[in-house]
Amino acid sequence: MLANRSVALRYGGGLLKAFMIWVLRPKAHKRDGTDMSTTDKAKGKIKEALGGLTGNDDLRAEGQAQQHKGHHLAQAAEARAVAEKHEREAELFEYEERYRQELLY
């Protein structure tokens, strides 16, 4: 991916093209944890409903705890995604800075 960024910066693509190549690229190869959080939320709702129907307070509480776990996993995955985006943006500006310095010399 580094080659794509430097090509975009050096051959007239400019900052916008480099931004689109590097920052907005698809991240299909990464698993961010949202699958686990969705599963935990769904399983928690089912357990909570079954606990309510059967009168089992322990099962209902377990379901609520699992839903909370899923919620916090989703928040953590979102925070990781935002942090990774900021890291990529910082790298982009670092490469742009290096390119601009090379132009000066």
N, C-alpha and C. Protein backbone atom coordinates (compact mmCIF):
# COMPACT_ATOMS: atom_id res chain seq x y z
N MET A 1 0.82 -1.19 0.00
CA MET A 1 0.00 0.00 0.00
C MET A 1 0.86 1.25 0.00
N LEU A 2 2.05 1.16 0.55
CA LEU A 2 2.96 2.29 0.59
C LEU A 2 3.26 2.78 -0.82
N ALA A 3 3.43 1.86 -1.76
CA ALA A 3 3.73 2.25 -3.13
C ALA A 3 2.59 3.06 -3.72
N ASN A 4 1.35 2.70 -3.44
CA ASN A 4 0.21 3.46 -3.96
C ASN A 4 0.20 4.88 -3.45
N ARG A 5 0.54 5.06 -2.17
CA ARG A 5 0.54 6.41 -1.61
C ARG A 5 1.63 7.26 -2.24
N SER A 6 2.82 6.71 -2.37
CA SER A 6 3.90 7.52 -2.93
C SER A 6 3.65 7.81 -4.40
N VAL A 7 3.04 6.88 -5.13
CA VAL A 7 2.71 7.13 -6.53
C VAL A 7 1.70 8.26 -6.62
N ALA A 8 0.69 8.23 -5.76
CA ALA A 8 -0.34 9.27 -5.79
C ALA A 8 0.26 10.63 -5.46
N LEU A 9 1.19 10.68 -4.55
CA LEU A 9 1.78 11.95 -4.17
C LEU A 9 2.76 12.47 -5.23
N ARG A 10 3.49 11.59 -5.86
CA ARG A 10 4.56 12.01 -6.77
C ARG A 10 4.08 12.32 -8.17
N TYR A 11 3.07 11.66 -8.64
CA TYR A 11 2.69 11.79 -10.04
C TYR A 11 1.37 12.52 -10.23
N GLY A 12 1.23 13.63 -9.59
CA GLY A 12 0.12 14.52 -9.86
C GLY A 12 -1.21 14.14 -9.24
N GLY A 13 -1.28 13.07 -8.48
CA GLY A 13 -2.54 12.69 -7.88
C GLY A 13 -2.93 13.64 -6.77
N GLY A 14 -1.95 14.20 -6.12
CA GLY A 14 -2.20 15.17 -5.08
C GLY A 14 -2.70 14.55 -3.79
N LEU A 15 -2.97 15.40 -2.87
CA LEU A 15 -3.37 14.99 -1.54
C LEU A 15 -4.72 14.29 -1.56
N LEU A 16 -5.65 14.75 -2.37
CA LEU A 16 -6.99 14.15 -2.39
C LEU A 16 -6.93 12.70 -2.85
N LYS A 17 -6.17 12.43 -3.90
CA LYS A 17 -6.08 11.06 -4.39
C LYS A 17 -5.39 10.17 -3.37
N ALA A 18 -4.32 10.69 -2.75
CA ALA A 18 -3.63 9.91 -1.72
C ALA A 18 -4.57 9.64 -0.55
N PHE A 19 -5.38 10.62 -0.20
CA PHE A 19 -6.35 10.45 0.88
C PHE A 19 -7.33 9.33 0.53
N MET A 20 -7.83 9.34 -0.68
CA MET A 20 -8.80 8.33 -1.07
C MET A 20 -8.17 6.94 -1.13
N ILE A 21 -6.92 6.85 -1.58
CA ILE A 21 -6.27 5.55 -1.66
C ILE A 21 -6.00 5.00 -0.28
N TRP A 22 -5.47 5.83 0.61
CA TRP A 22 -4.97 5.34 1.88
C TRP A 22 -6.01 5.36 2.98
N VAL A 23 -6.68 6.45 3.19
CA VAL A 23 -7.58 6.59 4.34
C VAL A 23 -8.92 5.92 4.09
N LEU A 24 -9.44 6.03 2.89
CA LEU A 24 -10.77 5.51 2.63
C LEU A 24 -10.76 4.12 2.01
N ARG A 25 -9.64 3.43 2.05
CA ARG A 25 -9.57 2.10 1.45
C ARG A 25 -10.43 1.13 2.25
N PRO A 26 -10.95 0.11 1.58
CA PRO A 26 -11.77 -0.86 2.30
C PRO A 26 -10.93 -1.67 3.29
N LYS A 27 -11.56 -2.02 4.38
CA LYS A 27 -10.86 -2.78 5.43
C LYS A 27 -11.50 -4.15 5.59
N ALA A 28 -11.78 -4.81 4.49
CA ALA A 28 -12.46 -6.11 4.55
C ALA A 28 -11.58 -7.19 5.17
N HIS A 29 -10.28 -7.00 5.14
CA HIS A 29 -9.38 -8.02 5.66
C HIS A 29 -9.28 -8.00 7.17
N LYS A 30 -9.85 -7.00 7.81
CA LYS A 30 -9.76 -6.90 9.27
C LYS A 30 -11.09 -7.27 9.91
N ARG A 31 -11.00 -7.92 11.03
CA ARG A 31 -12.21 -8.22 11.80
C ARG A 31 -12.20 -7.29 13.00
N ASP A 32 -13.19 -6.48 13.12
CA ASP A 32 -13.16 -5.43 14.13
C ASP A 32 -13.93 -5.75 15.40
N GLY A 33 -14.53 -6.91 15.51
CA GLY A 33 -15.22 -7.27 16.74
C GLY A 33 -16.71 -6.98 16.72
N THR A 34 -17.23 -6.37 15.65
CA THR A 34 -18.66 -6.06 15.63
C THR A 34 -19.50 -7.32 15.51
N ASP A 35 -18.96 -8.38 14.88
CA ASP A 35 -19.71 -9.63 14.78
C ASP A 35 -19.96 -10.21 16.17
N MET A 36 -18.92 -10.18 17.00
CA MET A 36 -19.05 -10.70 18.37
C MET A 36 -20.04 -9.88 19.17
N SER A 37 -19.99 -8.57 19.03
CA SER A 37 -20.89 -7.73 19.83
C SER A 37 -22.34 -7.94 19.41
N THR A 38 -22.59 -8.08 18.12
CA THR A 38 -23.95 -8.31 17.65
C THR A 38 -24.47 -9.65 18.14
N THR A 39 -23.62 -10.66 18.09
CA THR A 39 -23.99 -11.99 18.57
C THR A 39 -24.30 -11.97 20.06
N ASP A 40 -23.43 -11.30 20.84
CA ASP A 40 -23.66 -11.22 22.28
C ASP A 40 -24.96 -10.48 22.60
N LYS A 41 -25.23 -9.42 21.88
CA LYS A 41 -26.48 -8.68 22.11
C LYS A 41 -27.70 -9.56 21.82
N ALA A 42 -27.67 -10.28 20.70
CA ALA A 42 -28.81 -11.12 20.32
C ALA A 42 -28.99 -12.27 21.32
N LYS A 43 -27.90 -12.92 21.67
CA LYS A 43 -28.01 -14.02 22.64
C LYS A 43 -28.49 -13.49 23.99
N GLY A 44 -28.03 -12.32 24.37
CA GLY A 44 -28.47 -11.73 25.63
C GLY A 44 -29.96 -11.43 25.64
N LYS A 45 -30.48 -10.92 24.52
CA LYS A 45 -31.91 -10.63 24.44
C LYS A 45 -32.73 -11.91 24.54
N ILE A 46 -32.24 -12.96 23.89
CA ILE A 46 -32.95 -14.24 23.94
C ILE A 46 -32.96 -14.78 25.37
N LYS A 47 -31.82 -14.75 26.03
CA LYS A 47 -31.74 -15.24 27.42
C LYS A 47 -32.62 -14.40 28.34
N GLU A 48 -32.60 -13.09 28.13
CA GLU A 48 -33.43 -12.22 28.97
C GLU A 48 -34.91 -12.54 28.77
N ALA A 49 -35.32 -12.73 27.52
CA ALA A 49 -36.73 -13.05 27.24
C ALA A 49 -37.12 -14.40 27.82
N LEU A 50 -36.25 -15.40 27.65
CA LEU A 50 -36.54 -16.73 28.22
C LEU A 50 -36.61 -16.68 29.74
N GLY A 51 -35.71 -15.91 30.33
CA GLY A 51 -35.74 -15.77 31.79
C GLY A 51 -37.02 -15.10 32.25
N GLY A 52 -37.49 -14.12 31.49
CA GLY A 52 -38.75 -13.46 31.83
C GLY A 52 -39.94 -14.38 31.68
N LEU A 53 -39.96 -15.19 30.62
CA LEU A 53 -41.07 -16.11 30.38
C LEU A 53 -41.13 -17.24 31.40
N THR A 54 -39.95 -17.74 31.79
CA THR A 54 -39.92 -18.87 32.72
C THR A 54 -39.86 -18.42 34.18
N GLY A 55 -39.67 -17.14 34.40
CA GLY A 55 -39.57 -16.65 35.77
C GLY A 55 -38.20 -16.89 36.39
N ASN A 56 -37.21 -17.17 35.56
CA ASN A 56 -35.85 -17.43 36.03
C ASN A 56 -35.07 -16.10 36.05
N ASP A 57 -34.95 -15.53 37.24
CA ASP A 57 -34.28 -14.23 37.36
C ASP A 57 -32.78 -14.32 37.06
N ASP A 58 -32.18 -15.46 37.35
CA ASP A 58 -30.75 -15.63 37.06
C ASP A 58 -30.50 -15.60 35.54
N LEU A 59 -31.35 -16.28 34.78
CA LEU A 59 -31.19 -16.30 33.33
C LEU A 59 -31.45 -14.91 32.75
N ARG A 60 -32.43 -14.21 33.29
CA ARG A 60 -32.71 -12.86 32.82
C ARG A 60 -31.53 -11.92 33.12
N ALA A 61 -30.95 -12.04 34.29
CA ALA A 61 -29.79 -11.21 34.65
C ALA A 61 -28.58 -11.57 33.77
N GLU A 62 -28.42 -12.86 33.48
CA GLU A 62 -27.32 -13.28 32.61
C GLU A 62 -27.50 -12.70 31.21
N GLY A 63 -28.72 -12.69 30.74
CA GLY A 63 -29.01 -12.10 29.43
C GLY A 63 -28.71 -10.61 29.39
N GLN A 64 -29.09 -9.90 30.45
CA GLN A 64 -28.80 -8.47 30.52
C GLN A 64 -27.29 -8.21 30.54
N ALA A 65 -26.56 -9.04 31.30
CA ALA A 65 -25.11 -8.88 31.36
C ALA A 65 -24.47 -9.15 30.00
N GLN A 66 -24.99 -10.13 29.28
CA GLN A 66 -24.45 -10.43 27.96
C GLN A 66 -24.75 -9.30 26.98
N GLN A 67 -25.89 -8.68 27.10
CA GLN A 67 -26.21 -7.52 26.25
C GLN A 67 -25.26 -6.36 26.54
N HIS A 68 -24.98 -6.14 27.82
CA HIS A 68 -24.03 -5.07 28.19
C HIS A 68 -22.65 -5.37 27.63
N LYS A 69 -22.24 -6.63 27.70
CA LYS A 69 -20.95 -7.04 27.15
C LYS A 69 -20.91 -6.73 25.65
N GLY A 70 -21.96 -7.09 24.92
CA GLY A 70 -22.02 -6.82 23.49
C GLY A 70 -21.97 -5.34 23.18
N HIS A 71 -22.64 -4.54 24.00
CA HIS A 71 -22.63 -3.09 23.82
C HIS A 71 -21.22 -2.54 23.97
N HIS A 72 -20.52 -2.99 25.00
CA HIS A 72 -19.16 -2.48 25.25
C HIS A 72 -18.16 -3.01 24.21
N LEU A 73 -18.37 -4.22 23.72
CA LEU A 73 -17.52 -4.71 22.63
C LEU A 73 -17.70 -3.86 21.38
N ALA A 74 -18.94 -3.47 21.10
CA ALA A 74 -19.20 -2.61 19.94
C ALA A 74 -18.53 -1.25 20.10
N GLN A 75 -18.61 -0.69 21.31
CA GLN A 75 -17.95 0.60 21.56
C GLN A 75 -16.44 0.48 21.39
N ALA A 76 -15.86 -0.61 21.87
CA ALA A 76 -14.41 -0.81 21.75
C ALA A 76 -14.01 -0.96 20.28
N ALA A 77 -14.80 -1.69 19.51
CA ALA A 77 -14.50 -1.86 18.08
C ALA A 77 -14.58 -0.52 17.35
N GLU A 78 -15.57 0.28 17.71
CA GLU A 78 -15.69 1.60 17.09
C GLU A 78 -14.51 2.50 17.45
N ALA A 79 -14.08 2.46 18.69
CA ALA A 79 -12.94 3.26 19.12
C ALA A 79 -11.66 2.82 18.41
N ARG A 80 -11.50 1.50 18.23
CA ARG A 80 -10.33 1.00 17.49
C ARG A 80 -10.35 1.48 16.05
N ALA A 81 -11.51 1.46 15.43
CA ALA A 81 -11.63 1.90 14.04
C ALA A 81 -11.28 3.39 13.91
N VAL A 82 -11.75 4.19 14.84
CA VAL A 82 -11.44 5.62 14.81
C VAL A 82 -9.95 5.84 15.02
N ALA A 83 -9.36 5.11 15.96
CA ALA A 83 -7.92 5.26 16.22
C ALA A 83 -7.10 4.85 14.99
N GLU A 84 -7.49 3.77 14.33
CA GLU A 84 -6.77 3.34 13.14
C GLU A 84 -6.89 4.37 12.02
N LYS A 85 -8.06 4.99 11.89
CA LYS A 85 -8.25 6.03 10.88
C LYS A 85 -7.33 7.20 11.15
N HIS A 86 -7.23 7.60 12.41
CA HIS A 86 -6.36 8.72 12.76
C HIS A 86 -4.89 8.37 12.52
N GLU A 87 -4.52 7.13 12.79
CA GLU A 87 -3.14 6.70 12.51
C GLU A 87 -2.84 6.78 11.02
N ARG A 88 -3.78 6.33 10.19
CA ARG A 88 -3.58 6.40 8.74
C ARG A 88 -3.49 7.83 8.26
N GLU A 89 -4.32 8.71 8.81
CA GLU A 89 -4.26 10.12 8.43
C GLU A 89 -2.92 10.73 8.82
N ALA A 90 -2.43 10.39 10.00
CA ALA A 90 -1.14 10.92 10.44
C ALA A 90 -0.02 10.43 9.53
N GLU A 91 -0.07 9.15 9.14
CA GLU A 91 0.93 8.61 8.22
C GLU A 91 0.87 9.32 6.87
N LEU A 92 -0.34 9.60 6.42
CA LEU A 92 -0.51 10.31 5.16
C LEU A 92 0.17 11.67 5.21
N PHE A 93 -0.06 12.40 6.28
CA PHE A 93 0.55 13.72 6.41
C PHE A 93 2.07 13.62 6.58
N GLU A 94 2.52 12.56 7.21
CA GLU A 94 3.96 12.36 7.33
C GLU A 94 4.58 12.14 5.96
N TYR A 95 3.94 11.32 5.12
CA TYR A 95 4.45 11.09 3.78
C TYR A 95 4.38 12.36 2.93
N GLU A 96 3.32 13.13 3.12
CA GLU A 96 3.22 14.39 2.38
C GLU A 96 4.35 15.33 2.81
N GLU A 97 4.62 15.38 4.10
CA GLU A 97 5.69 16.22 4.60
C GLU A 97 7.04 15.80 4.00
N ARG A 98 7.30 14.49 3.97
CA ARG A 98 8.55 14.00 3.37
C ARG A 98 8.64 14.38 1.89
N TYR A 99 7.52 14.24 1.18
CA TYR A 99 7.49 14.59 -0.24
C TYR A 99 7.80 16.07 -0.42
N ARG A 100 7.19 16.91 0.39
CA ARG A 100 7.42 18.36 0.28
C ARG A 100 8.88 18.70 0.61
N GLN A 101 9.46 18.00 1.56
CA GLN A 101 10.87 18.23 1.90
C GLN A 101 11.78 17.81 0.75
N GLU A 102 11.43 16.71 0.06
CA GLU A 102 12.22 16.27 -1.09
C GLU A 102 12.16 17.30 -2.21
N LEU A 103 11.03 17.97 -2.36
CA LEU A 103 10.91 19.00 -3.39
C LEU A 103 11.82 20.18 -3.12
N LEU A 104 12.06 20.47 -1.86
CA LEU A 104 12.89 21.61 -1.48
C LEU A 104 14.36 21.34 -1.76
N TYR A 105 14.75 20.09 -1.77
CA TYR A 105 16.19 19.78 -1.93
C TYR A 105 16.50 19.30 -3.28
